[in-house]
Amino acid sequence: MKNLKIALSLLILISITSCDDFLSEKPDNRTEIDTPEKISELLVEAYPQMSYFDIAETMSDNVFDSGMVQTLIKNEQNYNWEIQTETTDIDTQAYYWDACYRAIAHANKALEAIEDLGSPASLNPQKGEALMARAYSHFMLVSFWSKRYNPATAATDLGIPYVTKPETELVTKYKRNSVREVFDFIEKDIEDGLKLVTNNYKQPKFHFNVNASKAFASRFYLVKGDWDRVLELSSDLGSKPVGKLRDFPSYDLLSAVDQRLAYADSDAETNLLIVSANSIVSRSYYSNRFYLSGARYPEIFGTATSPYLKPWYYNFYSSNSSITVFMPKFYEYFKYSNVTAGIGDPYVAEVLLSNDEFFLNRIEAHVMKGDIALANDELDYFLSTRTVGYVASDKLTEAKIVAKYPVIADEYTPFYTMTPVQTSYIKAIAETRRRDFVHEGIRWFDVKRFNIVVNHETANKPTNVLVKDDNRRALQIPLHASNTGVELNPR
């Protein structure tokens, strides 16, 4: 590892009187965090307040060249796995990098304040939340800006700085930890946090409550390949989590606007962690040329993609004669700072963790443990809740899965080995996850984890191919960070 100078914007401390005001004074001039209430207030900002959805989704194979004449520069750069030159715009790589480290700064300040107060048991819930929040932001950073986790190379692969103390200087010297070190730190924070988190919040869906913490931990251990831990964490879901998954059939009764509102509703049982992100992701369907196109979306959502050969309960709409299509998931709230001038900031409620992902993680762990019959039953239950006209006789069988998702040599190549049957089921689960979380970027993490080749076509240009182990699978360090000494990723 190399010493480096890094300006991560971690020095800025939240004001207790206003969560939107940051202080740049010296540490001895900052607001003192000396009560449980102030610590809880601080933790409101311990979550990334920016969105990664558009970044991750556009890099995946869910996105195509729709043929729109114009697009945003950041959309085209994401599509071509390039570093973004726009560094002062929301929904950019640099903004998400900063948002994660800003969230980490708040978590670290809360942990320091708890320690200064003597770490009483009464503050265990706040400590647990801070640890989980710190682990989450670091996990997202290493997931984007480092190579995929591989225990054979993790000790030498470049990770990201894992920051555990509040900053006291404008420019702080850090080490860029290895991927293994980052994962070890994340695991420790997760396990320590899981022992302390609680559901005792006025709005628990906006905090790392117990189930949100378990769901995040299951995502982490899925990437790491610890199947037993995934199953242990998800045991409360059981094999048929009735009433806990997203109720897609009910959306048929709602308008597109109401579907947007319903998707991230805190009353929805499946939604475990929600954040209000400063984002224009709700506008992507008409501003992004590289998006889910009307001509190509049947490749992912058509009846032929169903193992039952029946339609899905996914509703799509378009505002441009099906040049691009979208599933209504995001409702934008525009907060005006000057109504007369029409100036303000857009915010979108985004679901960061859900029972749907949690349950799919559980099914995948069963597959990798060799419990194919149990995985088959659970996958059948999940898919039945997304299928129009499902009847008991449609039930999945191993033969159906193997036929629908045949093994293709070197298509799925995780760091661990899989039997042919396991490979077919993993493909089925990955395609299910791809559909369920369209527009939310989750597909990119599977592309990276399974080392899936992605072909991005652009009219009148050669196809841009993201080959296996392509260095572009790790985002390039943002310009403002590399300019202050953060080592660049290889290209």
Protein backbone atom coordinates (compact mmCIF):
# COMPACT_ATOMS: atom_id res chain seq x y z
CA MET A 1 0.00 0.00 0.00
CA LYS A 2 1.12 3.54 -0.69
CA ASN A 3 0.86 6.66 1.41
CA LEU A 4 -1.23 9.32 -0.29
CA LYS A 5 -2.74 12.70 0.26
CA ILE A 6 -6.47 12.75 -0.16
CA ALA A 7 -9.10 15.47 0.14
CA LEU A 8 -12.23 13.45 0.80
CA SER A 9 -14.42 16.26 2.12
CA LEU A 10 -14.52 14.32 5.39
CA LEU A 11 -13.59 17.27 7.52
CA ILE A 12 -16.97 18.91 7.08
CA LEU A 13 -19.11 18.40 10.13
CA ILE A 14 -22.86 18.50 10.20
CA SER A 15 -24.57 21.26 12.13
CA ILE A 16 -27.00 19.95 14.70
CA THR A 17 -29.33 22.90 14.18
CA SER A 18 -29.53 22.31 10.43
CA CYS A 19 -28.69 19.00 8.78
CA ASP A 20 -28.03 20.76 5.48
CA ASP A 21 -25.38 23.18 6.78
CA PHE A 22 -21.79 22.01 6.86
CA LEU A 23 -19.07 23.68 8.88
CA SER A 24 -15.55 24.17 7.62
CA GLU A 25 -14.15 25.65 10.83
CA LYS A 26 -11.25 24.16 12.71
CA PRO A 27 -12.26 21.22 14.95
CA ASP A 28 -12.23 23.33 18.12
CA ASN A 29 -14.79 25.71 16.58
CA ARG A 30 -17.29 23.05 15.56
CA THR A 31 -20.60 22.31 17.20
CA GLU A 32 -20.09 19.95 20.12
CA ILE A 33 -21.85 16.60 19.81
CA ASP A 34 -22.51 15.89 23.46
CA THR A 35 -26.02 14.46 23.84
CA PRO A 36 -27.81 11.34 22.58
CA GLU A 37 -30.21 13.58 20.65
CA LYS A 38 -27.39 15.32 18.81
CA ILE A 39 -25.79 11.97 17.97
CA SER A 40 -29.07 10.69 16.55
CA GLU A 41 -29.44 13.90 14.55
CA LEU A 42 -25.93 13.45 13.19
CA LEU A 43 -26.70 9.91 12.02
CA VAL A 44 -29.48 11.15 9.77
CA GLU A 45 -26.67 12.23 7.42
CA ALA A 46 -24.68 8.97 7.75
CA TYR A 47 -26.20 7.65 4.51
CA PRO A 48 -25.10 8.65 0.98
CA GLN A 49 -27.42 11.48 -0.03
CA MET A 50 -26.68 11.00 -3.73
CA SER A 51 -27.77 8.24 -6.13
CA TYR A 52 -25.71 5.55 -7.83
CA PHE A 53 -28.67 4.06 -9.74
CA ASP A 54 -28.10 5.79 -13.08
CA ILE A 55 -24.34 5.20 -12.98
CA ALA A 56 -24.56 1.48 -12.34
CA GLU A 57 -27.57 0.81 -14.55
CA THR A 58 -26.04 2.52 -17.58
CA MET A 59 -22.86 0.45 -17.31
CA SER A 60 -24.84 -2.81 -17.30
CA ASP A 61 -26.40 -4.87 -20.08
CA ASN A 62 -29.84 -3.52 -19.20
CA VAL A 63 -29.14 -0.46 -21.34
CA PHE A 64 -29.08 -0.01 -25.11
CA ASP A 65 -28.66 2.73 -27.69
CA SER A 66 -32.23 3.95 -28.07
CA GLY A 67 -31.41 6.11 -31.06
CA MET A 68 -32.36 9.40 -29.41
CA VAL A 69 -30.58 12.30 -31.09
CA GLN A 70 -29.28 13.91 -27.92
CA THR A 71 -28.16 12.69 -24.53
CA LEU A 72 -26.29 13.84 -21.45
CA ILE A 73 -22.50 13.63 -21.52
CA LYS A 74 -22.47 11.68 -18.26
CA ASN A 75 -24.90 9.15 -19.73
CA GLU A 76 -22.65 8.48 -22.72
CA GLN A 77 -19.53 8.26 -20.53
CA ASN A 78 -21.20 5.76 -18.20
CA TYR A 79 -22.30 3.72 -21.21
CA ASN A 80 -18.70 3.55 -22.44
CA TRP A 81 -17.21 2.89 -18.98
CA GLU A 82 -15.31 6.17 -19.05
CA ILE A 83 -14.39 8.54 -16.26
CA GLN A 84 -16.86 11.38 -16.14
CA THR A 85 -15.59 14.84 -16.94
CA GLU A 86 -18.56 16.46 -15.23
CA THR A 87 -17.67 16.78 -11.57
CA THR A 88 -20.15 19.42 -10.42
CA ASP A 89 -23.37 17.66 -11.42
CA ILE A 90 -25.61 15.31 -9.47
CA ASP A 91 -25.84 11.64 -10.44
CA THR A 92 -22.16 11.58 -11.38
CA GLN A 93 -19.42 9.26 -10.21
CA ALA A 94 -17.57 12.03 -8.38
CA TYR A 95 -20.69 13.12 -6.52
CA TYR A 96 -21.41 9.61 -5.34
CA TRP A 97 -17.80 9.15 -4.21
CA ASP A 98 -18.07 12.35 -2.17
CA ALA A 99 -21.51 11.40 -0.83
CA CYS A 100 -20.17 8.11 0.52
CA TYR A 101 -17.19 9.68 2.25
CA ARG A 102 -19.37 12.47 3.60
CA ALA A 103 -21.69 9.84 5.09
CA ILE A 104 -18.68 8.04 6.57
CA ALA A 105 -17.56 11.31 8.17
CA HIS A 106 -20.89 11.62 9.95
CA ALA A 107 -20.80 8.01 11.13
CA ASN A 108 -17.27 8.46 12.44
CA LYS A 109 -18.16 11.66 14.27
CA ALA A 110 -21.10 9.89 15.91
CA LEU A 111 -18.87 7.01 17.00
CA GLU A 112 -16.33 9.47 18.43
CA ALA A 113 -19.06 11.31 20.33
CA ILE A 114 -20.37 8.04 21.77
CA GLU A 115 -16.88 7.16 22.93
CA ASP A 116 -16.40 10.62 24.47
CA LEU A 117 -19.61 10.09 26.45
CA GLY A 118 -18.20 6.86 27.88
CA SER A 119 -19.92 4.44 25.49
CA PRO A 120 -22.97 3.83 27.72
CA ALA A 121 -25.26 0.92 26.85
CA SER A 122 -28.04 3.44 26.27
CA LEU A 123 -26.18 4.58 23.14
CA ASN A 124 -25.75 1.08 21.70
CA PRO A 125 -28.51 1.61 19.11
CA GLN A 126 -26.77 4.73 17.78
CA LYS A 127 -23.42 2.95 17.81
CA GLY A 128 -24.87 0.00 15.89
CA GLU A 129 -26.42 2.30 13.29
CA ALA A 130 -23.17 4.22 12.86
CA LEU A 131 -21.18 1.02 12.35
CA MET A 132 -23.62 -0.33 9.79
CA ALA A 133 -23.74 2.99 7.95
CA ARG A 134 -19.94 3.20 7.86
CA ALA A 135 -19.71 -0.35 6.54
CA TYR A 136 -22.36 0.32 3.87
CA SER A 137 -20.68 3.37 2.36
CA HIS A 138 -17.28 1.69 2.29
CA PHE A 139 -18.86 -1.38 0.68
CA MET A 140 -20.41 0.73 -2.05
CA LEU A 141 -17.12 2.51 -2.67
CA VAL A 142 -15.10 -0.68 -2.97
CA SER A 143 -17.83 -2.21 -5.15
CA PHE A 144 -17.52 0.63 -7.66
CA TRP A 145 -13.90 1.72 -7.52
CA SER A 146 -12.08 -1.58 -7.05
CA LYS A 147 -11.88 -4.90 -8.84
CA ARG A 148 -14.45 -7.52 -7.91
CA TYR A 149 -13.75 -9.45 -4.71
CA ASN A 150 -11.55 -12.47 -5.32
CA PRO A 151 -9.83 -14.02 -2.29
CA ALA A 152 -6.94 -15.15 -4.49
CA THR A 153 -6.02 -11.58 -5.42
CA ALA A 154 -7.75 -9.44 -2.76
CA ALA A 155 -4.55 -8.94 -0.75
CA THR A 156 -2.91 -7.11 -3.65
CA ASP A 157 -5.90 -5.56 -5.43
CA LEU A 158 -6.29 -1.84 -4.80
CA GLY A 159 -9.21 -1.08 -2.53
CA ILE A 160 -10.28 2.31 -1.20
CA PRO A 161 -9.24 4.20 1.96
CA TYR A 162 -11.17 2.77 4.90
CA VAL A 163 -11.67 5.74 7.19
CA THR A 164 -12.45 5.10 10.84
CA LYS A 165 -11.70 8.46 12.48
CA PRO A 166 -13.10 11.96 11.98
CA GLU A 167 -10.80 14.22 9.99
CA THR A 168 -8.95 16.98 11.81
CA GLU A 169 -7.04 18.47 8.89
CA LEU A 170 -8.01 19.87 5.50
CA VAL A 171 -5.73 17.37 3.78
CA THR A 172 -5.23 14.05 5.50
CA LYS A 173 -2.72 11.35 4.66
CA TYR A 174 -4.32 7.98 4.06
CA LYS A 175 -3.42 4.56 2.78
CA ARG A 176 -5.42 3.07 -0.04
CA ASN A 177 -6.22 -0.24 1.63
CA SER A 178 -6.22 -3.51 -0.26
CA VAL A 179 -9.55 -5.08 -1.16
CA ARG A 180 -8.96 -7.75 1.48
CA GLU A 181 -8.32 -5.15 4.17
CA VAL A 182 -11.44 -3.22 3.18
CA PHE A 183 -13.55 -6.38 3.30
CA ASP A 184 -12.10 -7.31 6.70
CA PHE A 185 -12.95 -3.86 8.05
CA ILE A 186 -16.45 -4.01 6.58
CA GLU A 187 -17.04 -7.44 8.10
CA LYS A 188 -15.96 -6.25 11.55
CA ASP A 189 -18.22 -3.20 11.41
CA ILE A 190 -21.13 -5.34 10.19
CA GLU A 191 -20.77 -7.99 12.88
CA ASP A 192 -20.29 -5.41 15.64
CA GLY A 193 -23.21 -3.37 14.34
CA LEU A 194 -25.60 -6.31 14.03
CA LYS A 195 -25.33 -6.89 17.78
CA LEU A 196 -26.51 -3.37 18.56
CA VAL A 197 -29.02 -2.20 15.96
CA THR A 198 -32.65 -1.73 16.87
CA ASN A 199 -36.04 -0.95 15.36
CA ASN A 200 -36.72 1.85 17.83
CA TYR A 201 -37.10 4.73 15.40
CA LYS A 202 -40.00 7.00 14.51
CA GLN A 203 -39.29 6.17 10.87
CA PRO A 204 -37.31 2.90 10.97
CA LYS A 205 -37.21 2.48 7.17
CA PHE A 206 -34.84 5.47 6.96
CA HIS A 207 -32.31 3.91 9.34
CA PHE A 208 -30.32 0.71 9.56
CA ASN A 209 -33.01 -1.15 11.46
CA VAL A 210 -32.58 -4.86 12.26
CA ASN A 211 -33.87 -6.29 8.99
CA ALA A 212 -32.14 -3.68 6.84
CA SER A 213 -28.89 -4.51 8.59
CA LYS A 214 -29.36 -8.22 7.98
CA ALA A 215 -30.24 -7.62 4.32
CA PHE A 216 -27.11 -5.52 3.78
CA ALA A 217 -25.00 -8.12 5.56
CA SER A 218 -26.44 -10.83 3.31
CA ARG A 219 -25.40 -8.82 0.22
CA PHE A 220 -21.88 -8.50 1.61
CA TYR A 221 -21.56 -12.19 2.44
CA LEU A 222 -23.01 -13.19 -0.92
CA VAL A 223 -20.19 -11.29 -2.62
CA LYS A 224 -17.71 -12.91 -0.26
CA GLY A 225 -19.12 -16.39 -0.85
CA ASP A 226 -20.07 -17.15 2.76
CA TRP A 227 -23.29 -19.04 2.01
CA ASP A 228 -23.85 -20.23 5.58
CA ARG A 229 -23.85 -16.68 6.90
CA VAL A 230 -26.32 -15.58 4.21
CA LEU A 231 -28.70 -18.37 5.22
CA GLU A 232 -28.31 -17.58 8.90
CA LEU A 233 -29.09 -13.90 8.35
CA SER A 234 -32.15 -14.61 6.20
CA SER A 235 -33.63 -17.40 8.33
CA ASP A 236 -36.59 -15.26 9.44
CA LEU A 237 -37.80 -14.97 5.85
CA GLY A 238 -38.40 -18.70 5.60
CA SER A 239 -39.15 -20.44 2.32
CA LYS A 240 -42.36 -18.54 1.58
CA PRO A 241 -42.22 -14.96 2.86
CA VAL A 242 -45.93 -14.34 2.33
CA GLY A 243 -46.74 -10.64 2.46
CA LYS A 244 -43.09 -9.62 2.67
CA LEU A 245 -42.30 -9.32 -1.04
CA ARG A 246 -43.26 -6.54 -3.42
CA ASP A 247 -46.91 -6.76 -4.44
CA PHE A 248 -46.53 -6.16 -8.17
CA PRO A 249 -50.09 -7.29 -9.04
CA SER A 250 -51.49 -4.44 -6.93
CA TYR A 251 -49.67 -1.92 -9.13
CA ASP A 252 -52.03 -2.78 -12.00
CA LEU A 253 -54.71 -0.88 -10.10
CA LEU A 254 -52.61 2.28 -9.83
CA SER A 255 -51.76 5.08 -12.21
CA ALA A 256 -48.15 5.51 -13.27
CA VAL A 257 -47.76 8.42 -10.83
CA ASP A 258 -49.17 6.38 -7.95
CA GLN A 259 -46.88 3.49 -8.84
CA ARG A 260 -43.93 5.86 -8.51
CA LEU A 261 -45.13 6.81 -5.05
CA ALA A 262 -45.91 3.23 -4.02
CA TYR A 263 -42.53 1.79 -4.98
CA ALA A 264 -40.54 3.56 -2.26
CA ASP A 265 -43.40 3.82 0.22
CA SER A 266 -42.18 3.25 3.76
CA ASP A 267 -45.37 1.30 4.46
CA ALA A 268 -44.45 -1.32 1.84
CA GLU A 269 -43.38 -4.41 3.78
CA THR A 270 -40.57 -5.24 1.37
CA ASN A 271 -38.81 -1.87 1.70
CA LEU A 272 -36.19 -2.12 4.41
CA LEU A 273 -33.97 0.93 3.87
CA ILE A 274 -34.97 4.10 2.03
CA VAL A 275 -32.93 7.22 1.35
CA SER A 276 -33.98 10.61 0.01
CA ALA A 277 -31.36 11.12 -2.69
CA ASN A 278 -30.49 14.38 -4.41
CA SER A 279 -31.05 13.00 -7.89
CA ILE A 280 -32.75 13.40 -11.26
CA VAL A 281 -32.95 9.65 -11.89
CA SER A 282 -36.70 10.07 -12.37
CA ARG A 283 -35.96 12.03 -15.57
CA SER A 284 -33.58 9.49 -17.11
CA TYR A 285 -36.22 7.86 -19.30
CA TYR A 286 -36.47 10.97 -21.45
CA SER A 287 -33.01 12.52 -21.01
CA ASN A 288 -30.79 9.44 -21.54
CA ARG A 289 -30.19 8.14 -25.03
CA PHE A 290 -28.57 5.06 -23.53
CA TYR A 291 -31.40 3.54 -21.55
CA LEU A 292 -33.85 0.65 -21.65
CA SER A 293 -35.08 0.97 -25.21
CA GLY A 294 -38.54 0.14 -26.48
CA ALA A 295 -37.05 -1.99 -29.25
CA ARG A 296 -34.93 -4.12 -26.93
CA TYR A 297 -36.74 -4.37 -23.59
CA PRO A 298 -38.65 -7.55 -24.65
CA GLU A 299 -35.26 -9.30 -24.54
CA ILE A 300 -35.41 -8.92 -20.77
CA PHE A 301 -39.14 -8.67 -20.04
CA GLY A 302 -40.89 -10.47 -22.88
CA THR A 303 -43.10 -13.51 -22.27
CA ALA A 304 -40.40 -15.70 -23.80
CA THR A 305 -38.08 -14.80 -20.92
CA SER A 306 -40.39 -16.46 -18.40
CA PRO A 307 -39.76 -20.10 -17.46
CA TYR A 308 -43.55 -20.40 -17.41
CA LEU A 309 -43.89 -18.68 -20.81
CA LYS A 310 -46.40 -16.27 -19.27
CA PRO A 311 -46.42 -12.46 -19.03
CA TRP A 312 -44.74 -10.66 -16.14
CA TYR A 313 -46.45 -8.29 -13.72
CA TYR A 314 -44.03 -5.49 -14.64
CA ASN A 315 -45.64 -2.35 -16.04
CA PHE A 316 -43.78 -0.20 -18.56
CA TYR A 317 -44.56 3.25 -19.92
CA SER A 318 -43.07 5.66 -22.42
CA SER A 319 -43.21 9.38 -23.10
CA ASN A 320 -41.53 9.27 -26.52
CA SER A 321 -43.39 6.67 -28.59
CA SER A 322 -41.43 3.78 -27.05
CA ILE A 323 -37.99 5.03 -28.02
CA THR A 324 -37.24 4.45 -24.36
CA VAL A 325 -39.45 2.73 -21.78
CA PHE A 326 -39.52 2.85 -18.01
CA MET A 327 -40.99 1.13 -14.99
CA PRO A 328 -42.47 3.74 -12.60
CA LYS A 329 -40.21 3.55 -9.56
CA PHE A 330 -39.08 7.10 -8.84
CA TYR A 331 -41.12 10.10 -7.75
CA GLU A 332 -39.26 13.40 -7.76
CA TYR A 333 -39.86 16.00 -5.10
CA PHE A 334 -38.43 19.40 -6.02
CA LYS A 335 -37.42 21.45 -3.00
CA TYR A 336 -37.44 25.12 -3.97
CA SER A 337 -34.86 27.46 -2.52
CA ASN A 338 -36.28 30.32 -4.59
CA VAL A 339 -39.76 29.77 -5.97
CA THR A 340 -39.78 32.94 -8.06
CA ALA A 341 -36.52 32.05 -9.79
CA GLY A 342 -37.48 28.39 -10.04
CA ILE A 343 -34.29 27.37 -8.22
CA GLY A 344 -34.03 24.35 -5.95
CA ASP A 345 -32.95 20.75 -5.62
CA PRO A 346 -34.61 17.53 -6.84
CA TYR A 347 -34.97 14.61 -4.46
CA VAL A 348 -36.07 11.04 -5.08
CA ALA A 349 -36.92 8.38 -2.51
CA GLU A 350 -34.81 5.33 -3.38
CA VAL A 351 -35.04 1.83 -1.96
CA LEU A 352 -31.52 0.74 -1.03
CA LEU A 353 -32.43 -2.59 0.55
CA SER A 354 -35.53 -4.78 0.29
CA ASN A 355 -36.90 -8.18 1.20
CA ASP A 356 -36.96 -9.00 -2.51
CA GLU A 357 -33.18 -8.79 -2.78
CA PHE A 358 -32.80 -10.39 0.65
CA PHE A 359 -34.86 -13.42 -0.40
CA LEU A 360 -33.01 -13.81 -3.71
CA ASN A 361 -29.74 -13.78 -1.78
CA ARG A 362 -31.12 -16.60 0.32
CA ILE A 363 -32.11 -18.63 -2.75
CA GLU A 364 -28.67 -18.15 -4.27
CA ALA A 365 -27.02 -19.35 -1.05
CA HIS A 366 -29.17 -22.51 -1.13
CA VAL A 367 -28.02 -23.17 -4.69
CA MET A 368 -24.38 -22.79 -3.77
CA LYS A 369 -24.85 -25.06 -0.75
CA GLY A 370 -26.22 -27.73 -3.09
CA ASP A 371 -29.77 -27.54 -1.71
CA ILE A 372 -31.27 -27.46 -5.20
CA ALA A 373 -34.74 -28.75 -4.29
CA LEU A 374 -35.19 -26.06 -1.63
CA ALA A 375 -33.79 -23.36 -3.91
CA ASN A 376 -36.17 -24.51 -6.65
CA ASP A 377 -39.21 -24.19 -4.37
CA GLU A 378 -38.17 -20.74 -3.16
CA LEU A 379 -37.42 -19.46 -6.66
CA ASP A 380 -40.76 -20.82 -7.86
CA TYR A 381 -42.53 -18.94 -5.07
CA PHE A 382 -40.69 -15.70 -5.89
CA LEU A 383 -41.41 -15.93 -9.61
CA SER A 384 -45.05 -16.85 -9.00
CA THR A 385 -45.56 -13.44 -7.36
CA ARG A 386 -44.36 -11.77 -10.57
CA THR A 387 -46.23 -13.93 -13.09
CA VAL A 388 -49.63 -13.21 -14.60
CA GLY A 389 -51.89 -16.24 -14.43
CA TYR A 390 -49.54 -18.49 -12.44
CA VAL A 391 -51.13 -21.80 -11.40
CA ALA A 392 -49.80 -24.66 -9.33
CA SER A 393 -49.18 -26.80 -12.40
CA ASP A 394 -46.65 -24.21 -13.63
CA LYS A 395 -44.28 -25.17 -10.83
CA LEU A 396 -40.60 -25.04 -11.66
CA THR A 397 -38.56 -28.19 -11.94
CA GLU A 398 -34.84 -28.72 -12.28
CA ALA A 399 -35.39 -29.87 -15.84
CA LYS A 400 -37.21 -26.63 -16.70
CA ILE A 401 -34.45 -24.49 -15.24
CA VAL A 402 -31.66 -26.40 -16.99
CA ALA A 403 -33.51 -26.17 -20.30
CA LYS A 404 -34.37 -22.48 -19.93
CA TYR A 405 -30.95 -21.41 -18.67
CA PRO A 406 -28.42 -23.69 -20.41
CA VAL A 407 -24.78 -23.58 -19.45
CA ILE A 408 -22.66 -21.55 -21.86
CA ALA A 409 -18.93 -22.05 -21.51
CA ASP A 410 -17.19 -19.15 -19.70
CA GLU A 411 -20.36 -17.07 -19.50
CA TYR A 412 -20.60 -16.95 -15.69
CA THR A 413 -17.16 -17.07 -14.08
CA PRO A 414 -17.23 -16.13 -10.39
CA PHE A 415 -14.14 -16.76 -8.28
CA TYR A 416 -15.66 -20.04 -7.08
CA THR A 417 -16.58 -23.13 -9.07
CA MET A 418 -20.13 -24.19 -9.93
CA THR A 419 -21.61 -27.42 -11.20
CA PRO A 420 -23.69 -27.25 -14.41
CA VAL A 421 -26.93 -27.42 -12.43
CA GLN A 422 -25.76 -24.69 -10.07
CA THR A 423 -24.79 -22.55 -13.04
CA SER A 424 -28.27 -22.84 -14.55
CA TYR A 425 -29.94 -21.85 -11.28
CA ILE A 426 -27.54 -18.97 -10.70
CA LYS A 427 -28.34 -17.69 -14.19
CA ALA A 428 -32.05 -17.95 -13.41
CA ILE A 429 -31.61 -16.00 -10.17
CA ALA A 430 -29.41 -13.37 -11.84
CA GLU A 431 -31.99 -12.85 -14.59
CA THR A 432 -34.72 -12.58 -11.95
CA ARG A 433 -32.71 -9.99 -10.06
CA ARG A 434 -32.04 -8.19 -13.34
CA ARG A 435 -35.76 -7.79 -14.01
CA ASP A 436 -36.85 -6.95 -10.50
CA PHE A 437 -34.32 -4.17 -9.98
CA VAL A 438 -34.29 -2.61 -13.44
CA HIS A 439 -33.27 1.09 -13.27
CA GLU A 440 -31.77 0.51 -9.79
CA GLY A 441 -28.26 -0.56 -10.82
CA ILE A 442 -28.23 -3.94 -9.10
CA ARG A 443 -27.54 -5.68 -12.41
CA TRP A 444 -24.11 -4.02 -12.59
CA PHE A 445 -23.02 -5.75 -9.40
CA ASP A 446 -23.95 -9.14 -10.86
CA VAL A 447 -22.15 -8.26 -14.10
CA LYS A 448 -19.07 -7.54 -12.03
CA ARG A 449 -19.41 -10.42 -9.57
CA PHE A 450 -19.98 -13.06 -12.26
CA ASN A 451 -17.56 -11.43 -14.72
CA ILE A 452 -20.24 -11.25 -17.42
CA VAL A 453 -19.19 -9.83 -20.79
CA VAL A 454 -21.18 -6.74 -21.83
CA ASN A 455 -21.57 -5.50 -25.39
CA HIS A 456 -22.59 -1.87 -25.78
CA GLU A 457 -23.59 -0.93 -29.30
CA THR A 458 -23.75 2.63 -30.57
CA ALA A 459 -25.06 3.54 -34.01
CA ASN A 460 -22.30 4.09 -36.58
CA LYS A 461 -19.59 3.09 -34.13
CA PRO A 462 -17.81 -0.20 -33.33
CA THR A 463 -19.33 -2.25 -30.53
CA ASN A 464 -17.71 -1.43 -27.20
CA VAL A 465 -17.03 -4.72 -25.39
CA LEU A 466 -16.41 -5.00 -21.67
CA VAL A 467 -14.41 -8.22 -21.63
CA LYS A 468 -13.79 -10.43 -18.64
CA ASP A 469 -11.48 -8.87 -16.05
CA ASP A 470 -11.54 -5.61 -18.00
CA ASN A 471 -9.88 -2.88 -15.94
CA ARG A 472 -12.86 -0.64 -16.69
CA ARG A 473 -14.97 -2.77 -14.36
CA ALA A 474 -13.41 -0.68 -11.60
CA LEU A 475 -14.40 2.96 -12.00
CA GLN A 476 -11.55 5.37 -12.41
CA ILE A 477 -10.82 7.49 -9.34
CA PRO A 478 -12.63 10.86 -9.63
CA LEU A 479 -10.49 13.67 -10.99
CA HIS A 480 -10.66 15.84 -7.89
CA ALA A 481 -9.46 12.90 -5.76
CA SER A 482 -6.65 11.81 -8.09
CA ASN A 483 -5.51 15.43 -8.32
CA THR A 484 -4.89 15.35 -4.58
CA GLY A 485 -2.86 12.15 -4.72
CA VAL A 486 -5.23 9.21 -4.78
CA GLU A 487 -3.65 6.51 -6.87
CA LEU A 488 -5.46 5.90 -10.14
CA ASN A 489 -6.79 2.52 -11.13
CA PRO A 490 -4.91 0.83 -14.00
CA ARG A 491 -6.29 1.22 -17.49
